[in-house]
Amino acid sequence: MKKKKTEADKALDEFFNLFIAKQKAAGASPAELAVQGDDLIKKLMKRFYESALAGEMDDHLGYEKGQRKGGKRGNVRNGTSRKKAISEHGELEVAIPRDRKGEFEPKILPKNQRR
């Protein structure tokens, strides 16, 4: 007897199908698409951390990336820096956004912490 898929299972299937379609559209080779367990988890964790950090920066500055500066005067985005974080699935290299005045303190991956 075949088990019915729940809504969560359907959403997860749709997510992975969309993820693979985007990778193919970006020119990923078949070898790059053949990611195994921990590699996929690491990629998803990296994407999660980077999007969460971008949200924290939006909140810190008072405006979203690409919008006119409406937040704190004189403080704007100033690129990113790399940080190596360690998880139970291995080491991740995450892009941490910076601000011009150096006042941004990330909460999800605090400064001087790797785990």
PDB file of N, CA and C in Angstrom:
ATOM      1  N   MET A   1       0.832  -1.178   0.000  1.00  0.00           N
ATOM      2  CA  MET A   1       0.000   0.000   0.000  1.00  0.00           C
ATOM      3  C   MET A   1       0.883   1.250   0.000  1.00  0.00           C
ATOM      4  N   LYS A   2       0.608   2.162  -0.911  1.00  0.00           N
ATOM      5  CA  LYS A   2       1.416   3.363  -1.049  1.00  0.00           C
ATOM      6  C   LYS A   2       0.960   4.428  -0.051  1.00  0.00           C
ATOM      7  N   LYS A   3       1.951   5.026   0.615  1.00  0.00           N
ATOM      8  CA  LYS A   3       1.676   6.062   1.610  1.00  0.00           C
ATOM      9  C   LYS A   3       1.380   7.382   0.903  1.00  0.00           C
ATOM     10  N   LYS A   4       0.326   8.097   1.353  1.00  0.00           N
ATOM     11  CA  LYS A   4      -0.008   9.393   0.780  1.00  0.00           C
ATOM     12  C   LYS A   4       0.987  10.436   1.245  1.00  0.00           C
ATOM     13  N   LYS A   5       1.306  11.340   0.333  1.00  0.00           N
ATOM     14  CA  LYS A   5       2.224  12.420   0.685  1.00  0.00           C
ATOM     15  C   LYS A   5       1.469  13.506   1.444  1.00  0.00           C
ATOM     16  N   THR A   6       2.106  13.979   2.509  1.00  0.00           N
ATOM     17  CA  THR A   6       1.525  15.082   3.269  1.00  0.00           C
ATOM     18  C   THR A   6       1.816  16.391   2.539  1.00  0.00           C
ATOM     19  N   GLU A   7       1.217  17.471   2.992  1.00  0.00           N
ATOM     20  CA  GLU A   7       1.477  18.784   2.402  1.00  0.00           C
ATOM     21  C   GLU A   7       2.943  19.178   2.575  1.00  0.00           C
ATOM     22  N   ALA A   8       3.515  18.826   3.735  1.00  0.00           N
ATOM     23  CA  ALA A   8       4.927  19.136   3.978  1.00  0.00           C
ATOM     24  C   ALA A   8       5.821  18.371   3.002  1.00  0.00           C
ATOM     25  N   ASP A   9       5.485  17.098   2.735  1.00  0.00           N
ATOM     26  CA  ASP A   9       6.265  16.306   1.773  1.00  0.00           C
ATOM     27  C   ASP A   9       6.178  16.899   0.367  1.00  0.00           C
ATOM     28  N   LYS A  10       4.974  17.322  -0.012  1.00  0.00           N
ATOM     29  CA  LYS A  10       4.782  17.930  -1.333  1.00  0.00           C
ATOM     30  C   LYS A  10       5.565  19.234  -1.448  1.00  0.00           C
ATOM     31  N   ALA A  11       5.549  20.044  -0.395  1.00  0.00           N
ATOM     32  CA  ALA A  11       6.282  21.307  -0.405  1.00  0.00           C
ATOM     33  C   ALA A  11       7.786  21.060  -0.492  1.00  0.00           C
ATOM     34  N   LEU A  12       8.271  20.047   0.219  1.00  0.00           N
ATOM     35  CA  LEU A  12       9.696  19.714   0.180  1.00  0.00           C
ATOM     36  C   LEU A  12      10.102  19.208  -1.205  1.00  0.00           C
ATOM     37  N   ASP A  13       9.264  18.364  -1.809  1.00  0.00           N
ATOM     38  CA  ASP A  13       9.531  17.898  -3.174  1.00  0.00           C
ATOM     39  C   ASP A  13       9.589  19.072  -4.147  1.00  0.00           C
ATOM     40  N   GLU A  14       8.646  19.993  -4.017  1.00  0.00           N
ATOM     41  CA  GLU A  14       8.613  21.165  -4.891  1.00  0.00           C
ATOM     42  C   GLU A  14       9.859  22.026  -4.699  1.00  0.00           C
ATOM     43  N   PHE A  15      10.285  22.174  -3.439  1.00  0.00           N
ATOM     44  CA  PHE A  15      11.490  22.951  -3.139  1.00  0.00           C
ATOM     45  C   PHE A  15      12.707  22.341  -3.832  1.00  0.00           C
ATOM     46  N   PHE A  16      12.893  21.027  -3.697  1.00  0.00           N
ATOM     47  CA  PHE A  16      14.061  20.387  -4.287  1.00  0.00           C
ATOM     48  C   PHE A  16      13.993  20.394  -5.813  1.00  0.00           C
ATOM     49  N   ASN A  17      12.810  20.227  -6.384  1.00  0.00           N
ATOM     50  CA  ASN A  17      12.676  20.298  -7.842  1.00  0.00           C
ATOM     51  C   ASN A  17      13.040  21.690  -8.345  1.00  0.00           C
ATOM     52  N   LEU A  18      12.589  22.731  -7.622  1.00  0.00           N
ATOM     53  CA  LEU A  18      12.911  24.097  -7.989  1.00  0.00           C
ATOM     54  C   LEU A  18      14.407  24.363  -7.820  1.00  0.00           C
ATOM     55  N   PHE A  19      14.984  23.851  -6.741  1.00  0.00           N
ATOM     56  CA  PHE A  19      16.411  24.006  -6.480  1.00  0.00           C
ATOM     57  C   PHE A  19      17.232  23.400  -7.620  1.00  0.00           C
ATOM     58  N   ILE A  20      16.897  22.192  -8.038  1.00  0.00           N
ATOM     59  CA  ILE A  20      17.619  21.522  -9.123  1.00  0.00           C
ATOM     60  C   ILE A  20      17.424  22.264 -10.442  1.00  0.00           C
ATOM     61  N   ALA A  21      16.201  22.738 -10.695  1.00  0.00           N
ATOM     62  CA  ALA A  21      15.936  23.487 -11.930  1.00  0.00           C
ATOM     63  C   ALA A  21      16.758  24.773 -11.970  1.00  0.00           C
ATOM     64  N   LYS A  22      16.870  25.465 -10.839  1.00  0.00           N
ATOM     65  CA  LYS A  22      17.672  26.694 -10.785  1.00  0.00           C
ATOM     66  C   LYS A  22      19.152  26.390 -10.993  1.00  0.00           C
ATOM     67  N   GLN A  23      19.628  25.285 -10.431  1.00  0.00           N
ATOM     68  CA  GLN A  23      21.025  24.912 -10.606  1.00  0.00           C
ATOM     69  C   GLN A  23      21.310  24.592 -12.070  1.00  0.00           C
ATOM     70  N   LYS A  24      20.386  23.885 -12.731  1.00  0.00           N
ATOM     71  CA  LYS A  24      20.568  23.572 -14.150  1.00  0.00           C
ATOM     72  C   LYS A  24      20.560  24.845 -14.979  1.00  0.00           C
ATOM     73  N   ALA A  25      19.648  25.768 -14.662  1.00  0.00           N
ATOM     74  CA  ALA A  25      19.561  27.033 -15.403  1.00  0.00           C
ATOM     75  C   ALA A  25      20.818  27.871 -15.222  1.00  0.00           C
ATOM     76  N   ALA A  26      21.476  27.731 -14.069  1.00  0.00           N
ATOM     77  CA  ALA A  26      22.708  28.477 -13.803  1.00  0.00           C
ATOM     78  C   ALA A  26      23.927  27.822 -14.438  1.00  0.00           C
ATOM     79  N   GLY A  27      23.712  26.690 -15.112  1.00  0.00           N
ATOM     80  CA  GLY A  27      24.813  26.042 -15.815  1.00  0.00           C
ATOM     81  C   GLY A  27      25.536  24.971 -15.025  1.00  0.00           C
ATOM     82  N   ALA A  28      24.887  24.423 -14.010  1.00  0.00           N
ATOM     83  CA  ALA A  28      25.524  23.382 -13.196  1.00  0.00           C
ATOM     84  C   ALA A  28      25.703  22.115 -14.027  1.00  0.00           C
ATOM     85  N   SER A  29      26.849  21.492 -13.871  1.00  0.00           N
ATOM     86  CA  SER A  29      27.130  20.251 -14.589  1.00  0.00           C
ATOM     87  C   SER A  29      26.444  19.083 -13.874  1.00  0.00           C
ATOM     88  N   PRO A  30      26.295  17.937 -14.538  1.00  0.00           N
ATOM     89  CA  PRO A  30      25.696  16.777 -13.871  1.00  0.00           C
ATOM     90  C   PRO A  30      26.446  16.370 -12.601  1.00  0.00           C
ATOM     91  N   ALA A  31      27.775  16.536 -12.604  1.00  0.00           N
ATOM     92  CA  ALA A  31      28.552  16.196 -11.407  1.00  0.00           C
ATOM     93  C   ALA A  31      28.197  17.129 -10.252  1.00  0.00           C
ATOM     94  N   GLU A  32      27.980  18.412 -10.563  1.00  0.00           N
ATOM     95  CA  GLU A  32      27.607  19.360  -9.518  1.00  0.00           C
ATOM     96  C   GLU A  32      26.205  19.095  -8.982  1.00  0.00           C
ATOM     97  N   LEU A  33      25.335  18.565  -9.838  1.00  0.00           N
ATOM     98  CA  LEU A  33      23.968  18.262  -9.401  1.00  0.00           C
ATOM     99  C   LEU A  33      23.899  17.002  -8.546  1.00  0.00           C
ATOM    100  N   ALA A  34      24.921  16.155  -8.649  1.00  0.00           N
ATOM    101  CA  ALA A  34      24.922  14.897  -7.907  1.00  0.00           C
ATOM    102  C   ALA A  34      25.477  15.103  -6.505  1.00  0.00           C
ATOM    103  N   VAL A  35      24.915  16.049  -5.782  1.00  0.00           N
ATOM    104  CA  VAL A  35      25.375  16.299  -4.414  1.00  0.00           C
ATOM    105  C   VAL A  35      24.831  15.206  -3.502  1.00  0.00           C
ATOM    106  N   GLN A  36      25.599  14.858  -2.533  1.00  0.00           N
ATOM    107  CA  GLN A  36      25.221  13.805  -1.608  1.00  0.00           C
ATOM    108  C   GLN A  36      24.950  14.403  -0.234  1.00  0.00           C
ATOM    109  N   GLY A  37      24.058  13.834   0.525  1.00  0.00           N
ATOM    110  CA  GLY A  37      23.704  14.159   1.891  1.00  0.00           C
ATOM    111  C   GLY A  37      24.256  15.416   2.516  1.00  0.00           C
ATOM    112  N   ASP A  38      25.445  15.320   3.110  1.00  0.00           N
ATOM    113  CA  ASP A  38      26.027  16.436   3.843  1.00  0.00           C
ATOM    114  C   ASP A  38      26.314  17.641   2.948  1.00  0.00           C
ATOM    115  N   ASP A  39      26.675  17.392   1.684  1.00  0.00           N
ATOM    116  CA  ASP A  39      26.934  18.511   0.772  1.00  0.00           C
ATOM    117  C   ASP A  39      25.673  19.348   0.574  1.00  0.00           C
ATOM    118  N   LEU A  40      24.550  18.686   0.379  1.00  0.00           N
ATOM    119  CA  LEU A  40      23.290  19.399   0.188  1.00  0.00           C
ATOM    120  C   LEU A  40      22.906  20.148   1.460  1.00  0.00           C
ATOM    121  N   ILE A  41      23.069  19.511   2.596  1.00  0.00           N
ATOM    122  CA  ILE A  41      22.748  20.148   3.869  1.00  0.00           C
ATOM    123  C   ILE A  41      23.638  21.369   4.076  1.00  0.00           C
ATOM    124  N   LYS A  42      24.920  21.258   3.758  1.00  0.00           N
ATOM    125  CA  LYS A  42      25.836  22.383   3.907  1.00  0.00           C
ATOM    126  C   LYS A  42      25.436  23.545   2.996  1.00  0.00           C
ATOM    127  N   LYS A  43      25.039  23.245   1.764  1.00  0.00           N
ATOM    128  CA  LYS A  43      24.609  24.294   0.845  1.00  0.00           C
ATOM    129  C   LYS A  43      23.352  24.989   1.358  1.00  0.00           C
ATOM    130  N   LEU A  44      22.410  24.206   1.869  1.00  0.00           N
ATOM    131  CA  LEU A  44      21.181  24.790   2.401  1.00  0.00           C
ATOM    132  C   LEU A  44      21.461  25.626   3.646  1.00  0.00           C
ATOM    133  N   MET A  45      22.352  25.146   4.518  1.00  0.00           N
ATOM    134  CA  MET A  45      22.699  25.894   5.723  1.00  0.00           C
ATOM    135  C   MET A  45      23.396  27.208   5.347  1.00  0.00           C
ATOM    136  N   LYS A  46      24.292  27.162   4.384  1.00  0.00           N
ATOM    137  CA  LYS A  46      24.985  28.370   3.926  1.00  0.00           C
ATOM    138  C   LYS A  46      23.980  29.377   3.400  1.00  0.00           C
ATOM    139  N   ARG A  47      23.041  28.929   2.570  1.00  0.00           N
ATOM    140  CA  ARG A  47      22.015  29.818   2.019  1.00  0.00           C
ATOM    141  C   ARG A  47      21.143  30.393   3.133  1.00  0.00           C
ATOM    142  N   PHE A  48      20.791  29.562   4.120  1.00  0.00           N
ATOM    143  CA  PHE A  48      19.974  30.025   5.246  1.00  0.00           C
ATOM    144  C   PHE A  48      20.697  31.104   6.035  1.00  0.00           C
ATOM    145  N   TYR A  49      21.949  30.851   6.407  1.00  0.00           N
ATOM    146  CA  TYR A  49      22.709  31.815   7.195  1.00  0.00           C
ATOM    147  C   TYR A  49      22.885  33.128   6.441  1.00  0.00           C
ATOM    148  N   GLU A  50      23.211  33.058   5.156  1.00  0.00           N
ATOM    149  CA  GLU A  50      23.431  34.278   4.396  1.00  0.00           C
ATOM    150  C   GLU A  50      22.154  35.092   4.235  1.00  0.00           C
ATOM    151  N   SER A  51      21.012  34.432   4.036  1.00  0.00           N
ATOM    152  CA  SER A  51      19.760  35.182   3.924  1.00  0.00           C
ATOM    153  C   SER A  51      19.342  35.749   5.282  1.00  0.00           C
ATOM    154  N   ALA A  52      19.585  35.022   6.370  1.00  0.00           N
ATOM    155  CA  ALA A  52      19.271  35.535   7.708  1.00  0.00           C
ATOM    156  C   ALA A  52      20.155  36.732   8.043  1.00  0.00           C
ATOM    157  N   LEU A  53      21.426  36.661   7.688  1.00  0.00           N
ATOM    158  CA  LEU A  53      22.342  37.778   7.938  1.00  0.00           C
ATOM    159  C   LEU A  53      21.952  39.010   7.097  1.00  0.00           C
ATOM    160  N   ALA A  54      21.497  38.780   5.871  1.00  0.00           N
ATOM    161  CA  ALA A  54      21.039  39.897   5.039  1.00  0.00           C
ATOM    162  C   ALA A  54      19.813  40.556   5.676  1.00  0.00           C
ATOM    163  N   GLY A  55      18.927  39.747   6.246  1.00  0.00           N
ATOM    164  CA  GLY A  55      17.766  40.290   6.947  1.00  0.00           C
ATOM    165  C   GLY A  55      18.169  41.088   8.178  1.00  0.00           C
ATOM    166  N   GLU A  56      19.170  40.586   8.902  1.00  0.00           N
ATOM    167  CA  GLU A  56      19.666  41.321  10.066  1.00  0.00           C
ATOM    168  C   GLU A  56      20.263  42.662   9.633  1.00  0.00           C
ATOM    169  N   MET A  57      20.978  42.681   8.509  1.00  0.00           N
ATOM    170  CA  MET A  57      21.561  43.931   8.021  1.00  0.00           C
ATOM    171  C   MET A  57      20.460  44.906   7.606  1.00  0.00           C
ATOM    172  N   ASP A  58      19.410  44.398   6.935  1.00  0.00           N
ATOM    173  CA  ASP A  58      18.278  45.253   6.568  1.00  0.00           C
ATOM    174  C   ASP A  58      17.689  45.914   7.807  1.00  0.00           C
ATOM    175  N   ASP A  59      17.511  45.121   8.859  1.00  0.00           N
ATOM    176  CA  ASP A  59      16.956  45.639  10.103  1.00  0.00           C
ATOM    177  C   ASP A  59      17.902  46.661  10.741  1.00  0.00           C
ATOM    178  N   HIS A  60      19.180  46.378  10.720  1.00  0.00           N
ATOM    179  CA  HIS A  60      20.183  47.266  11.327  1.00  0.00           C
ATOM    180  C   HIS A  60      20.225  48.624  10.629  1.00  0.00           C
ATOM    181  N   LEU A  61      20.201  48.603   9.287  1.00  0.00           N
ATOM    182  CA  LEU A  61      20.311  49.851   8.532  1.00  0.00           C
ATOM    183  C   LEU A  61      18.970  50.571   8.374  1.00  0.00           C
ATOM    184  N   GLY A  62      17.876  49.831   8.463  1.00  0.00           N
ATOM    185  CA  GLY A  62      16.558  50.447   8.339  1.00  0.00           C
ATOM    186  C   GLY A  62      16.008  50.488   6.927  1.00  0.00           C
ATOM    187  N   TYR A  63      16.653  49.811   5.990  1.00  0.00           N
ATOM    188  CA  TYR A  63      16.135  49.721   4.626  1.00  0.00           C
ATOM    189  C   TYR A  63      16.648  48.437   3.987  1.00  0.00           C
ATOM    190  N   GLU A  64      15.919  47.962   2.956  1.00  0.00           N
ATOM    191  CA  GLU A  64      16.304  46.732   2.278  1.00  0.00           C
ATOM    192  C   GLU A  64      17.350  47.014   1.205  1.00  0.00           C
ATOM    193  N   LYS A  65      18.106  45.995   0.871  1.00  0.00           N
ATOM    194  CA  LYS A  65      19.127  46.128  -0.160  1.00  0.00           C
ATOM    195  C   LYS A  65      18.460  46.511  -1.476  1.00  0.00           C
ATOM    196  N   GLY A  66      19.034  47.479  -2.160  1.00  0.00           N
ATOM    197  CA  GLY A  66      18.496  47.919  -3.441  1.00  0.00           C
ATOM    198  C   GLY A  66      17.515  49.071  -3.337  1.00  0.00           C
ATOM    199  N   GLN A  67      17.095  49.422  -2.121  1.00  0.00           N
ATOM    200  CA  GLN A  67      16.183  50.549  -1.944  1.00  0.00           C
ATOM    201  C   GLN A  67      16.988  51.812  -1.660  1.00  0.00           C
ATOM    202  N   ARG A  68      16.297  52.925  -1.766  1.00  0.00           N
ATOM    203  CA  ARG A  68      16.944  54.191  -1.400  1.00  0.00           C
ATOM    204  C   ARG A  68      17.243  54.180   0.080  1.00  0.00           C
ATOM    205  N   LYS A  69      18.335  54.781   0.437  1.00  0.00           N
ATOM    206  CA  LYS A  69      18.753  54.811   1.840  1.00  0.00           C
ATOM    207  C   LYS A  69      17.765  55.645   2.644  1.00  0.00           C
ATOM    208  N   GLY A  70      17.067  55.004   3.553  1.00  0.00           N
ATOM    209  CA  GLY A  70      16.115  55.726   4.368  1.00  0.00           C
ATOM    210  C   GLY A  70      16.390  55.541   5.839  1.00  0.00           C
ATOM    211  N   GLY A  71      17.428  54.840   6.159  1.00  0.00           N
ATOM    212  CA  GLY A  71      17.728  54.518   7.550  1.00  0.00           C
ATOM    213  C   GLY A  71      18.730  55.468   8.167  1.00  0.00           C
ATOM    214  N   LYS A  72      19.622  54.926   8.967  1.00  0.00           N
ATOM    215  CA  LYS A  72      20.630  55.718   9.677  1.00  0.00           C
ATOM    216  C   LYS A  72      21.509  56.458   8.679  1.00  0.00           C
ATOM    217  N   ARG A  73      21.610  57.756   8.834  1.00  0.00           N
ATOM    218  CA  ARG A  73      22.398  58.578   7.897  1.00  0.00           C
ATOM    219  C   ARG A  73      23.883  58.231   7.975  1.00  0.00           C
ATOM    220  N   GLY A  74      24.469  58.133   6.806  1.00  0.00           N
ATOM    221  CA  GLY A  74      25.903  57.920   6.734  1.00  0.00           C
ATOM    222  C   GLY A  74      26.348  56.484   6.898  1.00  0.00           C
ATOM    223  N   ASN A  75      25.448  55.580   7.200  1.00  0.00           N
ATOM    224  CA  ASN A  75      25.837  54.180   7.359  1.00  0.00           C
ATOM    225  C   ASN A  75      25.170  53.364   6.265  1.00  0.00           C
ATOM    226  N   VAL A  76      25.962  52.761   5.411  1.00  0.00           N
ATOM    227  CA  VAL A  76      25.452  51.987   4.282  1.00  0.00           C
ATOM    228  C   VAL A  76      26.164  50.633   4.221  1.00  0.00           C
ATOM    229  N   ARG A  77      25.664  49.776   3.359  1.00  0.00           N
ATOM    230  CA  ARG A  77      26.313  48.479   3.147  1.00  0.00           C
ATOM    231  C   ARG A  77      27.711  48.700   2.580  1.00  0.00           C
ATOM    232  N   ASN A  78      28.621  47.791   2.934  1.00  0.00           N
ATOM    233  CA  ASN A  78      30.002  47.918   2.472  1.00  0.00           C
ATOM    234  C   ASN A  78      30.555  46.540   2.149  1.00  0.00           C
ATOM    235  N   GLY A  79      29.835  45.791   1.327  1.00  0.00           N
ATOM    236  CA  GLY A  79      30.309  44.484   0.901  1.00  0.00           C
ATOM    237  C   GLY A  79      30.137  43.404   1.943  1.00  0.00           C
ATOM    238  N   THR A  80      30.947  42.361   1.817  1.00  0.00           N
ATOM    239  CA  THR A  80      30.879  41.220   2.731  1.00  0.00           C
ATOM    240  C   THR A  80      32.296  40.789   3.100  1.00  0.00           C
ATOM    241  N   SER A  81      32.345  40.020   4.149  1.00  0.00           N
ATOM    242  CA  SER A  81      33.598  39.362   4.511  1.00  0.00           C
ATOM    243  C   SER A  81      33.284  37.889   4.725  1.00  0.00           C
ATOM    244  N   ARG A  82      34.275  37.045   4.589  1.00  0.00           N
ATOM    245  CA  ARG A  82      34.083  35.600   4.734  1.00  0.00           C
ATOM    246  C   ARG A  82      34.327  35.171   6.169  1.00  0.00           C
ATOM    247  N   LYS A  83      33.516  34.195   6.599  1.00  0.00           N
ATOM    248  CA  LYS A  83      33.687  33.633   7.930  1.00  0.00           C
ATOM    249  C   LYS A  83      33.508  32.131   7.811  1.00  0.00           C
ATOM    250  N   LYS A  84      34.389  31.382   8.436  1.00  0.00           N
ATOM    251  CA  LYS A  84      34.254  29.934   8.457  1.00  0.00           C
ATOM    252  C   LYS A  84      33.534  29.541   9.732  1.00  0.00           C
ATOM    253  N   ALA A  85      32.404  28.897   9.561  1.00  0.00           N
ATOM    254  CA  ALA A  85      31.609  28.417  10.693  1.00  0.00           C
ATOM    255  C   ALA A  85      31.679  26.898  10.711  1.00  0.00           C
ATOM    256  N   ILE A  86      31.645  26.317  11.884  1.00  0.00           N
ATOM    257  CA  ILE A  86      31.726  24.864  12.024  1.00  0.00           C
ATOM    258  C   ILE A  86      30.389  24.353  12.533  1.00  0.00           C
ATOM    259  N   SER A  87      29.831  23.363  11.821  1.00  0.00           N
ATOM    260  CA  SER A  87      28.578  22.736  12.233  1.00  0.00           C
ATOM    261  C   SER A  87      28.805  21.230  12.342  1.00  0.00           C
ATOM    262  N   GLU A  88      27.763  20.515  12.716  1.00  0.00           N
ATOM    263  CA  GLU A  88      27.920  19.061  12.825  1.00  0.00           C
ATOM    264  C   GLU A  88      28.091  18.404  11.460  1.00  0.00           C
ATOM    265  N   HIS A  89      27.840  19.158  10.377  1.00  0.00           N
ATOM    266  CA  HIS A  89      27.992  18.624   9.028  1.00  0.00           C
ATOM    267  C   HIS A  89      29.299  19.056   8.373  1.00  0.00           C
ATOM    268  N   GLY A  90      30.117  19.780   9.118  1.00  0.00           N
ATOM    269  CA  GLY A  90      31.404  20.200   8.581  1.00  0.00           C
ATOM    270  C   GLY A  90      31.558  21.707   8.594  1.00  0.00           C
ATOM    271  N   GLU A  91      32.546  22.181   7.878  1.00  0.00           N
ATOM    272  CA  GLU A  91      32.874  23.598   7.852  1.00  0.00           C
ATOM    273  C   GLU A  91      32.128  24.302   6.728  1.00  0.00           C
ATOM    274  N   LEU A  92      31.575  25.481   7.027  1.00  0.00           N
ATOM    275  CA  LEU A  92      30.867  26.299   6.049  1.00  0.00           C
ATOM    276  C   LEU A  92      31.600  27.618   5.896  1.00  0.00           C
ATOM    277  N   GLU A  93      31.661  28.140   4.705  1.00  0.00           N
ATOM    278  CA  GLU A  93      32.199  29.485   4.506  1.00  0.00           C
ATOM    279  C   GLU A  93      31.020  30.388   4.163  1.00  0.00           C
ATOM    280  N   VAL A  94      30.739  31.328   5.062  1.00  0.00           N
ATOM    281  CA  VAL A  94      29.560  32.172   4.960  1.00  0.00           C
ATOM    282  C   VAL A  94      29.987  33.607   4.688  1.00  0.00           C
ATOM    283  N   ALA A  95      29.230  34.311   3.834  1.00  0.00           N
ATOM    284  CA  ALA A  95      29.494  35.726   3.547  1.00  0.00           C
ATOM    285  C   ALA A  95      28.754  36.569   4.584  1.00  0.00           C
ATOM    286  N   ILE A  96      29.506  37.301   5.397  1.00  0.00           N
ATOM    287  CA  ILE A  96      28.937  38.157   6.436  1.00  0.00           C
ATOM    288  C   ILE A  96      28.874  39.580   5.889  1.00  0.00           C
ATOM    289  N   PRO A  97      27.680  40.206   5.849  1.00  0.00           N
ATOM    290  CA  PRO A  97      27.605  41.579   5.347  1.00  0.00           C
ATOM    291  C   PRO A  97      28.278  42.561   6.304  1.00  0.00           C
ATOM    292  N   ARG A  98      28.814  43.645   5.721  1.00  0.00           N
ATOM    293  CA  ARG A  98      29.461  44.688   6.525  1.00  0.00           C
ATOM    294  C   ARG A  98      28.738  46.005   6.293  1.00  0.00           C
ATOM    295  N   ASP A  99      28.853  46.893   7.279  1.00  0.00           N
ATOM    296  CA  ASP A  99      28.373  48.256   7.093  1.00  0.00           C
ATOM    297  C   ASP A  99      29.553  49.208   7.168  1.00  0.00           C
ATOM    298  N   ARG A 100      29.372  50.379   6.628  1.00  0.00           N
ATOM    299  CA  ARG A 100      30.458  51.343   6.503  1.00  0.00           C
ATOM    300  C   ARG A 100      31.047  51.733   7.852  1.00  0.00           C
ATOM    301  N   LYS A 101      30.204  51.903   8.867  1.00  0.00           N
ATOM    302  CA  LYS A 101      30.690  52.344  10.173  1.00  0.00           C
ATOM    303  C   LYS A 101      31.171  51.203  11.068  1.00  0.00           C
ATOM    304  N   GLY A 102      30.974  49.968  10.646  1.00  0.00           N
ATOM    305  CA  GLY A 102      31.430  48.827  11.440  1.00  0.00           C
ATOM    306  C   GLY A 102      30.602  48.582  12.689  1.00  0.00           C
ATOM    307  N   GLU A 103      29.342  48.999  12.683  1.00  0.00           N
ATOM    308  CA  GLU A 103      28.476  48.857  13.850  1.00  0.00           C
ATOM    309  C   GLU A 103      27.631  47.589  13.810  1.00  0.00           C
ATOM    310  N   PHE A 104      27.610  46.889  12.690  1.00  0.00           N
ATOM    311  CA  PHE A 104      26.751  45.703  12.547  1.00  0.00           C
ATOM    312  C   PHE A 104      27.280  44.556  13.393  1.00  0.00           C
ATOM    313  N   GLU A 105      26.434  44.060  14.289  1.00  0.00           N
ATOM    314  CA  GLU A 105      26.754  42.919  15.151  1.00  0.00           C
ATOM    315  C   GLU A 105      25.775  41.790  14.835  1.00  0.00           C
ATOM    316  N   PRO A 106      26.172  40.795  14.049  1.00  0.00           N
ATOM    317  CA  PRO A 106      25.245  39.710  13.710  1.00  0.00           C
ATOM    318  C   PRO A 106      24.840  38.904  14.944  1.00  0.00           C
ATOM    319  N   LYS A 107      23.578  38.488  14.962  1.00  0.00           N
ATOM    320  CA  LYS A 107      23.069  37.703  16.093  1.00  0.00           C
ATOM    321  C   LYS A 107      23.143  36.202  15.802  1.00  0.00           C
ATOM    322  N   ILE A 108      22.869  35.826  14.546  1.00  0.00           N
ATOM    323  CA  ILE A 108      22.806  34.399  14.216  1.00  0.00           C
ATOM    324  C   ILE A 108      24.193  33.760  14.188  1.00  0.00           C
ATOM    325  N   LEU A 109      25.209  34.486  13.753  1.00  0.00           N
ATOM    326  CA  LEU A 109      26.607  34.052  13.777  1.00  0.00           C
ATOM    327  C   LEU A 109      27.425  35.178  14.395  1.00  0.00           C
ATOM    328  N   PRO A 110      27.440  35.264  15.737  1.00  0.00           N
ATOM    329  CA  PRO A 110      28.125  36.386  16.397  1.00  0.00           C
ATOM    330  C   PRO A 110      29.611  36.458  16.052  1.00  0.00           C
ATOM    331  N   LYS A 111      30.143  37.668  16.180  1.00  0.00           N
ATOM    332  CA  LYS A 111      31.579  37.860  15.954  1.00  0.00           C
ATOM    333  C   LYS A 111      32.370  37.029  16.938  1.00  0.00           C
ATOM    334  N   ASN A 112      33.537  36.562  16.520  1.00  0.00           N
ATOM    335  CA  ASN A 112      34.469  35.771  17.333  1.00  0.00           C
ATOM    336  C   ASN A 112      33.930  34.418  17.766  1.00  0.00           C
ATOM    337  N   GLN A 113      32.890  33.921  17.106  1.00  0.00           N
ATOM    338  CA  GLN A 113      32.379  32.580  17.370  1.00  0.00           C
ATOM    339  C   GLN A 113      32.319  31.815  16.067  1.00  0.00           C
ATOM    340  N   ARG A 114      32.701  30.560  16.117  1.00  0.00           N
ATOM    341  CA  ARG A 114      32.713  29.735  14.905  1.00  0.00           C
ATOM    342  C   ARG A 114      31.714  28.618  14.929  1.00  0.00           C
ATOM    343  N   ARG A 115      31.189  28.272  16.072  1.00  0.00           N
ATOM    344  CA  ARG A 115      30.258  27.140  16.176  1.00  0.00           C
ATOM    345  C   ARG A 115      28.840  27.607  16.388  1.00  0.00           C
TER     346      ARG A 115
END
